[in-house]
PDB file of N, CA and C in Angstrom:
ATOM      1  N   MET A   1      99.539  19.519 110.463  1.00  0.00           N
ATOM      2  CA  MET A   1      99.310  19.329 109.044  1.00  0.00           C
ATOM      3  C   MET A   1      99.434  20.686 108.342  1.00  0.00           C
ATOM      4  N   GLU A   2     100.176  20.715 107.249  1.00  0.00           N
ATOM      5  CA  GLU A   2     100.373  21.957 106.510  1.00  0.00           C
ATOM      6  C   GLU A   2      99.162  22.262 105.638  1.00  0.00           C
ATOM      7  N   ALA A   3      99.037  23.517 105.243  1.00  0.00           N
ATOM      8  CA  ALA A   3      97.880  23.969 104.460  1.00  0.00           C
ATOM      9  C   ALA A   3      97.755  23.214 103.144  1.00  0.00           C
ATOM     10  N   ARG A   4      98.869  22.946 102.482  1.00  0.00           N
ATOM     11  CA  ARG A   4      98.834  22.246 101.189  1.00  0.00           C
ATOM     12  C   ARG A   4      98.464  20.781 101.343  1.00  0.00           C
ATOM     13  N   GLU A   5      98.652  20.211 102.526  1.00  0.00           N
ATOM     14  CA  GLU A   5      98.252  18.829 102.782  1.00  0.00           C
ATOM     15  C   GLU A   5      96.760  18.739 103.073  1.00  0.00           C
ATOM     16  N   VAL A   6      96.196  19.788 103.650  1.00  0.00           N
ATOM     17  CA  VAL A   6      94.778  19.782 104.018  1.00  0.00           C
ATOM     18  C   VAL A   6      93.894  19.819 102.771  1.00  0.00           C
ATOM     19  N   LEU A   7      94.173  20.742 101.860  1.00  0.00           N
ATOM     20  CA  LEU A   7      93.371  20.890 100.644  1.00  0.00           C
ATOM     21  C   LEU A   7      93.966  20.029  99.537  1.00  0.00           C
ATOM     22  N   LYS A   8      93.191  19.051  99.072  1.00  0.00           N
ATOM     23  CA  LYS A   8      93.662  18.191  97.982  1.00  0.00           C
ATOM     24  C   LYS A   8      93.386  18.815  96.624  1.00  0.00           C
ATOM     25  N   GLY A   9      92.255  19.507  96.492  1.00  0.00           N
ATOM     26  CA  GLY A   9      91.929  20.136  95.228  1.00  0.00           C
ATOM     27  C   GLY A   9      90.496  20.616  95.210  1.00  0.00           C
ATOM     28  N   PRO A  10      90.139  21.378  94.180  1.00  0.00           N
ATOM     29  CA  PRO A  10      88.763  21.871  94.078  1.00  0.00           C
ATOM     30  C   PRO A  10      87.836  20.787  93.549  1.00  0.00           C
ATOM     31  N   VAL A  11      86.560  20.921  93.868  1.00  0.00           N
ATOM     32  CA  VAL A  11      85.527  20.048  93.314  1.00  0.00           C
ATOM     33  C   VAL A  11      84.730  20.902  92.335  1.00  0.00           C
ATOM     34  N   ILE A  12      84.825  20.566  91.055  1.00  0.00           N
ATOM     35  CA  ILE A  12      84.150  21.329  90.010  1.00  0.00           C
ATOM     36  C   ILE A  12      82.981  20.504  89.486  1.00  0.00           C
ATOM     37  N   THR A  13      81.788  20.856  89.920  1.00  0.00           N
ATOM     38  CA  THR A  13      80.565  20.210  89.458  1.00  0.00           C
ATOM     39  C   THR A  13      79.539  21.299  89.148  1.00  0.00           C
ATOM     40  N   GLU A  14      78.413  20.887  88.620  1.00  0.00           N
ATOM     41  CA  GLU A  14      77.367  21.858  88.321  1.00  0.00           C
ATOM     42  C   GLU A  14      76.861  22.517  89.603  1.00  0.00           C
ATOM     43  N   ARG A  15      76.694  21.715  90.645  1.00  0.00           N
ATOM     44  CA  ARG A  15      76.207  22.253  91.909  1.00  0.00           C
ATOM     45  C   ARG A  15      77.236  23.197  92.545  1.00  0.00           C
ATOM     46  N   SER A  16      78.510  22.832  92.479  1.00  0.00           N
ATOM     47  CA  SER A  16      79.520  23.706  93.075  1.00  0.00           C
ATOM     48  C   SER A  16      79.637  25.020  92.303  1.00  0.00           C
ATOM     49  N   ALA A  17      79.371  24.996  90.998  1.00  0.00           N
ATOM     50  CA  ALA A  17      79.387  26.233  90.206  1.00  0.00           C
ATOM     51  C   ALA A  17      78.262  27.160  90.642  1.00  0.00           C
ATOM     52  N   ILE A  18      77.113  26.606  90.957  1.00  0.00           N
ATOM     53  CA  ILE A  18      75.988  27.410  91.455  1.00  0.00           C
ATOM     54  C   ILE A  18      76.331  28.003  92.821  1.00  0.00           C
ATOM     55  N   LEU A  19      76.977  27.204  93.679  1.00  0.00           N
ATOM     56  CA  LEU A  19      77.344  27.682  95.014  1.00  0.00           C
ATOM     57  C   LEU A  19      78.401  28.792  94.953  1.00  0.00           C
ATOM     58  N   MET A  20      79.261  28.758  93.921  1.00  0.00           N
ATOM     59  CA  MET A  20      80.299  29.793  93.791  1.00  0.00           C
ATOM     60  C   MET A  20      79.689  31.181  93.648  1.00  0.00           C
ATOM     61  N   GLU A  21      78.529  31.271  93.008  1.00  0.00           N
ATOM     62  CA  GLU A  21      77.862  32.558  92.847  1.00  0.00           C
ATOM     63  C   GLU A  21      77.407  33.122  94.188  1.00  0.00           C
ATOM     64  N   GLU A  22      77.223  32.238  95.181  1.00  0.00           N
ATOM     65  CA  GLU A  22      76.805  32.650  96.522  1.00  0.00           C
ATOM     66  C   GLU A  22      77.984  32.809  97.480  1.00  0.00           C
ATOM     67  N   GLY A  23      79.217  32.673  96.963  1.00  0.00           N
ATOM     68  CA  GLY A  23      80.398  32.823  97.805  1.00  0.00           C
ATOM     69  C   GLY A  23      80.783  31.568  98.547  1.00  0.00           C
ATOM     70  N   GLN A  24      80.345  30.394  98.057  1.00  0.00           N
ATOM     71  CA  GLN A  24      80.685  29.124  98.678  1.00  0.00           C
ATOM     72  C   GLN A  24      81.529  28.316  97.699  1.00  0.00           C
ATOM     73  N   TYR A  25      82.648  27.797  98.184  1.00  0.00           N
ATOM     74  CA  TYR A  25      83.577  27.046  97.348  1.00  0.00           C
ATOM     75  C   TYR A  25      83.749  25.649  97.918  1.00  0.00           C
ATOM     76  N   THR A  26      83.849  24.653  97.038  1.00  0.00           N
ATOM     77  CA  THR A  26      83.926  23.265  97.449  1.00  0.00           C
ATOM     78  C   THR A  26      85.325  22.720  97.185  1.00  0.00           C
ATOM     79  N   PHE A  27      85.888  22.055  98.194  1.00  0.00           N
ATOM     80  CA  PHE A  27      87.214  21.455  98.101  1.00  0.00           C
ATOM     81  C   PHE A  27      87.165  20.003  98.545  1.00  0.00           C
ATOM     82  N   GLU A  28      88.029  19.183  97.958  1.00  0.00           N
ATOM     83  CA  GLU A  28      88.262  17.850  98.504  1.00  0.00           C
ATOM     84  C   GLU A  28      89.390  18.020  99.508  1.00  0.00           C
ATOM     85  N   VAL A  29      89.223  17.459 100.706  1.00  0.00           N
ATOM     86  CA  VAL A  29      90.181  17.688 101.779  1.00  0.00           C
ATOM     87  C   VAL A  29      90.695  16.365 102.344  1.00  0.00           C
ATOM     88  N   HIS A  30      91.744  16.452 103.137  1.00  0.00           N
ATOM     89  CA  HIS A  30      92.324  15.288 103.798  1.00  0.00           C
ATOM     90  C   HIS A  30      91.298  14.701 104.765  1.00  0.00           C
ATOM     91  N   PRO A  31      91.176  13.380 104.843  1.00  0.00           N
ATOM     92  CA  PRO A  31      90.160  12.770 105.715  1.00  0.00           C
ATOM     93  C   PRO A  31      90.300  13.116 107.194  1.00  0.00           C
ATOM     94  N   ALA A  32      91.496  13.413 107.657  1.00  0.00           N
ATOM     95  CA  ALA A  32      91.699  13.721 109.073  1.00  0.00           C
ATOM     96  C   ALA A  32      91.618  15.218 109.371  1.00  0.00           C
ATOM     97  N   ALA A  33      91.371  16.047 108.368  1.00  0.00           N
ATOM     98  CA  ALA A  33      91.332  17.497 108.564  1.00  0.00           C
ATOM     99  C   ALA A  33      90.068  17.912 109.309  1.00  0.00           C
ATOM    100  N   THR A  34      90.230  18.832 110.251  1.00  0.00           N
ATOM    101  CA  THR A  34      89.088  19.364 110.987  1.00  0.00           C
ATOM    102  C   THR A  34      88.618  20.655 110.326  1.00  0.00           C
ATOM    103  N   LYS A  35      87.477  21.178 110.776  1.00  0.00           N
ATOM    104  CA  LYS A  35      86.960  22.425 110.217  1.00  0.00           C
ATOM    105  C   LYS A  35      87.923  23.583 110.457  1.00  0.00           C
ATOM    106  N   VAL A  36      88.578  23.594 111.609  1.00  0.00           N
ATOM    107  CA  VAL A  36      89.539  24.652 111.921  1.00  0.00           C
ATOM    108  C   VAL A  36      90.747  24.542 110.990  1.00  0.00           C
ATOM    109  N   ASP A  37      91.231  23.317 110.744  1.00  0.00           N
ATOM    110  CA  ASP A  37      92.350  23.117 109.811  1.00  0.00           C
ATOM    111  C   ASP A  37      91.987  23.624 108.420  1.00  0.00           C
ATOM    112  N   ILE A  38      90.777  23.304 107.966  1.00  0.00           N
ATOM    113  CA  ILE A  38      90.323  23.701 106.633  1.00  0.00           C
ATOM    114  C   ILE A  38      90.221  25.224 106.540  1.00  0.00           C
ATOM    115  N   LYS A  39      89.645  25.847 107.563  1.00  0.00           N
ATOM    116  CA  LYS A  39      89.508  27.307 107.584  1.00  0.00           C
ATOM    117  C   LYS A  39      90.879  27.977 107.507  1.00  0.00           C
ATOM    118  N   ASN A  40      91.817  27.520 108.328  1.00  0.00           N
ATOM    119  CA  ASN A  40      93.159  28.120 108.342  1.00  0.00           C
ATOM    120  C   ASN A  40      93.867  27.909 107.009  1.00  0.00           C
ATOM    121  N   ALA A  41      93.700  26.741 106.394  1.00  0.00           N
ATOM    122  CA  ALA A  41      94.358  26.453 105.118  1.00  0.00           C
ATOM    123  C   ALA A  41      93.835  27.359 104.005  1.00  0.00           C
ATOM    124  N   VAL A  42      92.501  27.524 103.928  1.00  0.00           N
ATOM    125  CA  VAL A  42      91.918  28.379 102.881  1.00  0.00           C
ATOM    126  C   VAL A  42      92.329  29.830 103.083  1.00  0.00           C
ATOM    127  N   GLU A  43      92.308  30.301 104.325  1.00  0.00           N
ATOM    128  CA  GLU A  43      92.711  31.681 104.600  1.00  0.00           C
ATOM    129  C   GLU A  43      94.181  31.905 104.277  1.00  0.00           C
ATOM    130  N   GLU A  44      95.032  30.926 104.556  1.00  0.00           N
ATOM    131  CA  GLU A  44      96.466  31.068 104.290  1.00  0.00           C
ATOM    132  C   GLU A  44      96.775  31.023 102.794  1.00  0.00           C
ATOM    133  N   ILE A  45      96.160  30.104 102.073  1.00  0.00           N
ATOM    134  CA  ILE A  45      96.487  29.920 100.658  1.00  0.00           C
ATOM    135  C   ILE A  45      95.864  31.007  99.781  1.00  0.00           C
ATOM    136  N   PHE A  46      94.579  31.313  99.999  1.00  0.00           N
ATOM    137  CA  PHE A  46      93.861  32.227  99.110  1.00  0.00           C
ATOM    138  C   PHE A  46      93.718  33.644  99.652  1.00  0.00           C
ATOM    139  N   LYS A  47      94.158  33.911 100.886  1.00  0.00           N
ATOM    140  CA  LYS A  47      94.118  35.255 101.488  1.00  0.00           C
ATOM    141  C   LYS A  47      92.705  35.835 101.498  1.00  0.00           C
ATOM    142  N   VAL A  48      91.740  35.045 101.972  1.00  0.00           N
ATOM    143  CA  VAL A  48      90.357  35.482 102.108  1.00  0.00           C
ATOM    144  C   VAL A  48      89.901  35.216 103.541  1.00  0.00           C
ATOM    145  N   LYS A  49      88.783  35.800 103.940  1.00  0.00           N
ATOM    146  CA  LYS A  49      88.214  35.609 105.266  1.00  0.00           C
ATOM    147  C   LYS A  49      87.121  34.551 105.177  1.00  0.00           C
ATOM    148  N   VAL A  50      87.288  33.436 105.893  1.00  0.00           N
ATOM    149  CA  VAL A  50      86.320  32.340 105.885  1.00  0.00           C
ATOM    150  C   VAL A  50      85.318  32.569 107.014  1.00  0.00           C
ATOM    151  N   THR A  51      84.020  32.489 106.684  1.00  0.00           N
ATOM    152  CA  THR A  51      82.989  32.693 107.701  1.00  0.00           C
ATOM    153  C   THR A  51      82.360  31.382 108.165  1.00  0.00           C
ATOM    154  N   ARG A  52      82.395  30.338 107.318  1.00  0.00           N
ATOM    155  CA  ARG A  52      81.732  29.083 107.676  1.00  0.00           C
ATOM    156  C   ARG A  52      82.360  27.931 106.911  1.00  0.00           C
ATOM    157  N   VAL A  53      82.444  26.767 107.574  1.00  0.00           N
ATOM    158  CA  VAL A  53      82.947  25.552 106.927  1.00  0.00           C
ATOM    159  C   VAL A  53      81.981  24.418 107.224  1.00  0.00           C
ATOM    160  N   ALA A  54      81.509  23.745 106.177  1.00  0.00           N
ATOM    161  CA  ALA A  54      80.660  22.562 106.316  1.00  0.00           C
ATOM    162  C   ALA A  54      81.404  21.388 105.690  1.00  0.00           C
ATOM    163  N   THR A  55      81.476  20.262 106.401  1.00  0.00           N
ATOM    164  CA  THR A  55      82.188  19.102 105.882  1.00  0.00           C
ATOM    165  C   THR A  55      81.228  17.937 105.693  1.00  0.00           C
ATOM    166  N   LEU A  56      81.590  17.050 104.764  1.00  0.00           N
ATOM    167  CA  LEU A  56      80.811  15.835 104.571  1.00  0.00           C
ATOM    168  C   LEU A  56      81.714  14.723 104.090  1.00  0.00           C
ATOM    169  N   ARG A  57      81.416  13.528 104.551  1.00  0.00           N
ATOM    170  CA  ARG A  57      82.161  12.338 104.144  1.00  0.00           C
ATOM    171  C   ARG A  57      81.313  11.530 103.184  1.00  0.00           C
ATOM    172  N   THR A  58      81.943  11.062 102.111  1.00  0.00           N
ATOM    173  CA  THR A  58      81.265  10.229 101.135  1.00  0.00           C
ATOM    174  C   THR A  58      81.954   8.873 101.138  1.00  0.00           C
ATOM    175  N   PRO A  59      81.273   7.810 101.552  1.00  0.00           N
ATOM    176  CA  PRO A  59      81.915   6.497 101.545  1.00  0.00           C
ATOM    177  C   PRO A  59      82.111   5.986 100.122  1.00  0.00           C
ATOM    178  N   GLY A  60      83.143   5.179  99.924  1.00  0.00           N
ATOM    179  CA  GLY A  60      83.408   4.607  98.614  1.00  0.00           C
ATOM    180  C   GLY A  60      82.330   3.612  98.217  1.00  0.00           C
ATOM    181  N   LYS A  61      82.232   3.363  96.924  1.00  0.00           N
ATOM    182  CA  LYS A  61      81.212   2.442  96.412  1.00  0.00           C
ATOM    183  C   LYS A  61      81.875   1.197  95.843  1.00  0.00           C
ATOM    184  N   MET A  62      81.150   0.096  95.885  1.00  0.00           N
ATOM    185  CA  MET A  62      81.610  -1.132  95.255  1.00  0.00           C
ATOM    186  C   MET A  62      81.362  -1.003  93.756  1.00  0.00           C
ATOM    187  N   LYS A  63      82.375  -1.291  92.965  1.00  0.00           N
ATOM    188  CA  LYS A  63      82.270  -1.224  91.506  1.00  0.00           C
ATOM    189  C   LYS A  63      82.641  -2.585  90.942  1.00  0.00           C
ATOM    190  N   ARG A  64      82.075  -2.893  89.800  1.00  0.00           N
ATOM    191  CA  ARG A  64      82.302  -4.202  89.208  1.00  0.00           C
ATOM    192  C   ARG A  64      82.533  -4.037  87.708  1.00  0.00           C
ATOM    193  N   VAL A  65      83.573  -4.691  87.210  1.00  0.00           N
ATOM    194  CA  VAL A  65      83.851  -4.739  85.782  1.00  0.00           C
ATOM    195  C   VAL A  65      83.986  -6.213  85.432  1.00  0.00           C
ATOM    196  N   GLY A  66      82.944  -6.758  84.842  1.00  0.00           N
ATOM    197  CA  GLY A  66      82.943  -8.189  84.545  1.00  0.00           C
ATOM    198  C   GLY A  66      82.955  -8.983  85.833  1.00  0.00           C
ATOM    199  N   ARG A  67      83.929  -9.849  85.979  1.00  0.00           N
ATOM    200  CA  ARG A  67      83.999 -10.662  87.198  1.00  0.00           C
ATOM    201  C   ARG A  67      84.865 -10.030  88.279  1.00  0.00           C
ATOM    202  N   TYR A  68      85.471  -8.904  87.992  1.00  0.00           N
ATOM    203  CA  TYR A  68      86.361  -8.248  88.946  1.00  0.00           C
ATOM    204  C   TYR A  68      85.582  -7.235  89.776  1.00  0.00           C
ATOM    205  N   VAL A  69      85.764  -7.318  91.070  1.00  0.00           N
ATOM    206  CA  VAL A  69      85.075  -6.422  91.987  1.00  0.00           C
ATOM    207  C   VAL A  69      86.113  -5.508  92.634  1.00  0.00           C
ATOM    208  N   GLY A  70      85.813  -4.224  92.685  1.00  0.00           N
ATOM    209  CA  GLY A  70      86.716  -3.254  93.306  1.00  0.00           C
ATOM    210  C   GLY A  70      85.922  -2.262  94.127  1.00  0.00           C
ATOM    211  N   ARG A  71      86.626  -1.277  94.637  1.00  0.00           N
ATOM    212  CA  ARG A  71      85.987  -0.282  95.487  1.00  0.00           C
ATOM    213  C   ARG A  71      86.616   1.073  95.198  1.00  0.00           C
ATOM    214  N   THR A  72      85.775   2.108  95.115  1.00  0.00           N
ATOM    215  CA  THR A  72      86.296   3.460  94.963  1.00  0.00           C
ATOM    216  C   THR A  72      86.698   3.995  96.339  1.00  0.00           C
ATOM    217  N   SER A  73      87.513   4.997  96.368  1.00  0.00           N
ATOM    218  CA  SER A  73      88.036   5.548  97.619  1.00  0.00           C
ATOM    219  C   SER A  73      86.969   6.335  98.373  1.00  0.00           C
ATOM    220  N   ASP A  74      87.111   6.366  99.696  1.00  0.00           N
ATOM    221  CA  ASP A  74      86.295   7.258 100.516  1.00  0.00           C
ATOM    222  C   ASP A  74      86.779   8.681 100.273  1.00  0.00           C
ATOM    223  N   ARG A  75      85.864   9.665 100.370  1.00  0.00           N
ATOM    224  CA  ARG A  75      86.214  11.065 100.140  1.00  0.00           C
ATOM    225  C   ARG A  75      85.680  11.921 101.275  1.00  0.00           C
ATOM    226  N   LYS A  76      86.350  13.043 101.499  1.00  0.00           N
ATOM    227  CA  LYS A  76      85.844  14.059 102.417  1.00  0.00           C
ATOM    228  C   LYS A  76      85.872  15.371 101.675  1.00  0.00           C
ATOM    229  N   LYS A  77      84.727  16.076 101.678  1.00  0.00           N
ATOM    230  CA  LYS A  77      84.614  17.367 101.006  1.00  0.00           C
ATOM    231  C   LYS A  77      84.306  18.438 102.032  1.00  0.00           C
ATOM    232  N   ALA A  78      84.664  19.659 101.686  1.00  0.00           N
ATOM    233  CA  ALA A  78      84.362  20.809 102.536  1.00  0.00           C
ATOM    234  C   ALA A  78      83.762  21.898 101.670  1.00  0.00           C
ATOM    235  N   ILE A  79      82.652  22.468 102.143  1.00  0.00           N
ATOM    236  CA  ILE A  79      82.039  23.618 101.486  1.00  0.00           C
ATOM    237  C   ILE A  79      82.370  24.830 102.357  1.00  0.00           C
ATOM    238  N   VAL A  80      83.174  25.733 101.793  1.00  0.00           N
ATOM    239  CA  VAL A  80      83.712  26.872 102.533  1.00  0.00           C
ATOM    240  C   VAL A  80      82.985  28.135 102.083  1.00  0.00           C
ATOM    241  N   THR A  81      82.413  28.868 103.046  1.00  0.00           N
ATOM    242  CA  THR A  81      81.766  30.143 102.765  1.00  0.00           C
ATOM    243  C   THR A  81      82.739  31.255 103.121  1.00  0.00           C
ATOM    244  N   ILE A  82      82.953  32.177 102.180  1.00  0.00           N
ATOM    245  CA  ILE A  82      83.876  33.283 102.445  1.00  0.00           C
ATOM    246  C   ILE A  82      83.087  34.564 102.664  1.00  0.00           C
ATOM    247  N   ALA A  83      83.762  35.566 103.194  1.00  0.00           N
ATOM    248  CA  ALA A  83      83.120  36.837 103.522  1.00  0.00           C
ATOM    249  C   ALA A  83      82.549  37.489 102.269  1.00  0.00           C
ATOM    250  N   GLU A  84      81.475  38.230 102.466  1.00  0.00           N
ATOM    251  CA  GLU A  84      80.795  38.896 101.353  1.00  0.00           C
ATOM    252  C   GLU A  84      81.724  39.909 100.688  1.00  0.00           C
ATOM    253  N   GLY A  85      81.697  39.927  99.370  1.00  0.00           N
ATOM    254  CA  GLY A  85      82.527  40.841  98.609  1.00  0.00           C
ATOM    255  C   GLY A  85      83.882  40.261  98.228  1.00  0.00           C
ATOM    256  N   GLN A  86      84.248  39.108  98.794  1.00  0.00           N
ATOM    257  CA  GLN A  86      85.507  38.474  98.442  1.00  0.00           C
ATOM    258  C   GLN A  86      85.247  37.325  97.481  1.00  0.00           C
ATOM    259  N   ARG A  87      86.293  36.919  96.743  1.00  0.00           N
ATOM    260  CA  ARG A  87      86.172  35.774  95.859  1.00  0.00           C
ATOM    261  C   ARG A  87      87.536  35.127  95.711  1.00  0.00           C
ATOM    262  N   ILE A  88      87.537  33.903  95.220  1.00  0.00           N
ATOM    263  CA  ILE A  88      88.775  33.175  94.980  1.00  0.00           C
ATOM    264  C   ILE A  88      88.970  33.116  93.467  1.00  0.00           C
ATOM    265  N   PRO A  89      89.956  33.826  92.936  1.00  0.00           N
ATOM    266  CA  PRO A  89      90.136  33.884  91.475  1.00  0.00           C
ATOM    267  C   PRO A  89      90.541  32.554  90.863  1.00  0.00           C
ATOM    268  N   PHE A  90      91.051  31.631  91.669  1.00  0.00           N
ATOM    269  CA  PHE A  90      91.451  30.295  91.199  1.00  0.00           C
ATOM    270  C   PHE A  90      90.290  29.573  90.505  1.00  0.00           C
ATOM    271  N   PHE A  91      89.072  29.805  90.991  1.00  0.00           N
ATOM    272  CA  PHE A  91      87.888  29.125  90.473  1.00  0.00           C
ATOM    273  C   PHE A  91      87.264  29.810  89.283  1.00  0.00           C
ATOM    274  N   GLU A  92      87.635  31.041  88.995  1.00  0.00           N
ATOM    275  CA  GLU A  92      86.998  31.789  87.905  1.00  0.00           C
ATOM    276  C   GLU A  92      87.275  31.117  86.560  1.00  0.00           C
ATOM    277  N   GLY A  93      86.240  30.971  85.771  1.00  0.00           N
ATOM    278  CA  GLY A  93      86.373  30.361  84.450  1.00  0.00           C
ATOM    279  C   GLY A  93      86.357  28.848  84.472  1.00  0.00           C
ATOM    280  N   ALA A  94      86.130  28.243  85.643  1.00  0.00           N
ATOM    281  CA  ALA A  94      86.102  26.775  85.723  1.00  0.00           C
ATOM    282  C   ALA A  94      84.717  26.260  85.428  1.00  0.00           C
TER     283      ALA A  94
END
């Protein structure tokens, strides 16, 4: 799997903004990606040193609009900790 396939995009929330101050960045990732895949992808794309990767899966929820029932997609997120003193400029100002 290529680096651009592993990382789907950033997760910009209030909690992830707080984590950015501590050097932790949150990404939505491919469901089959492993921690090693995620680490290599972040290091290759952003040219930073990754020290830790934590992953979590969020199952989709049942949603209802009137009589129609649907389901949101399952998601996998990764919280990536980078080496002290480094930062990812992509997230600045978000």
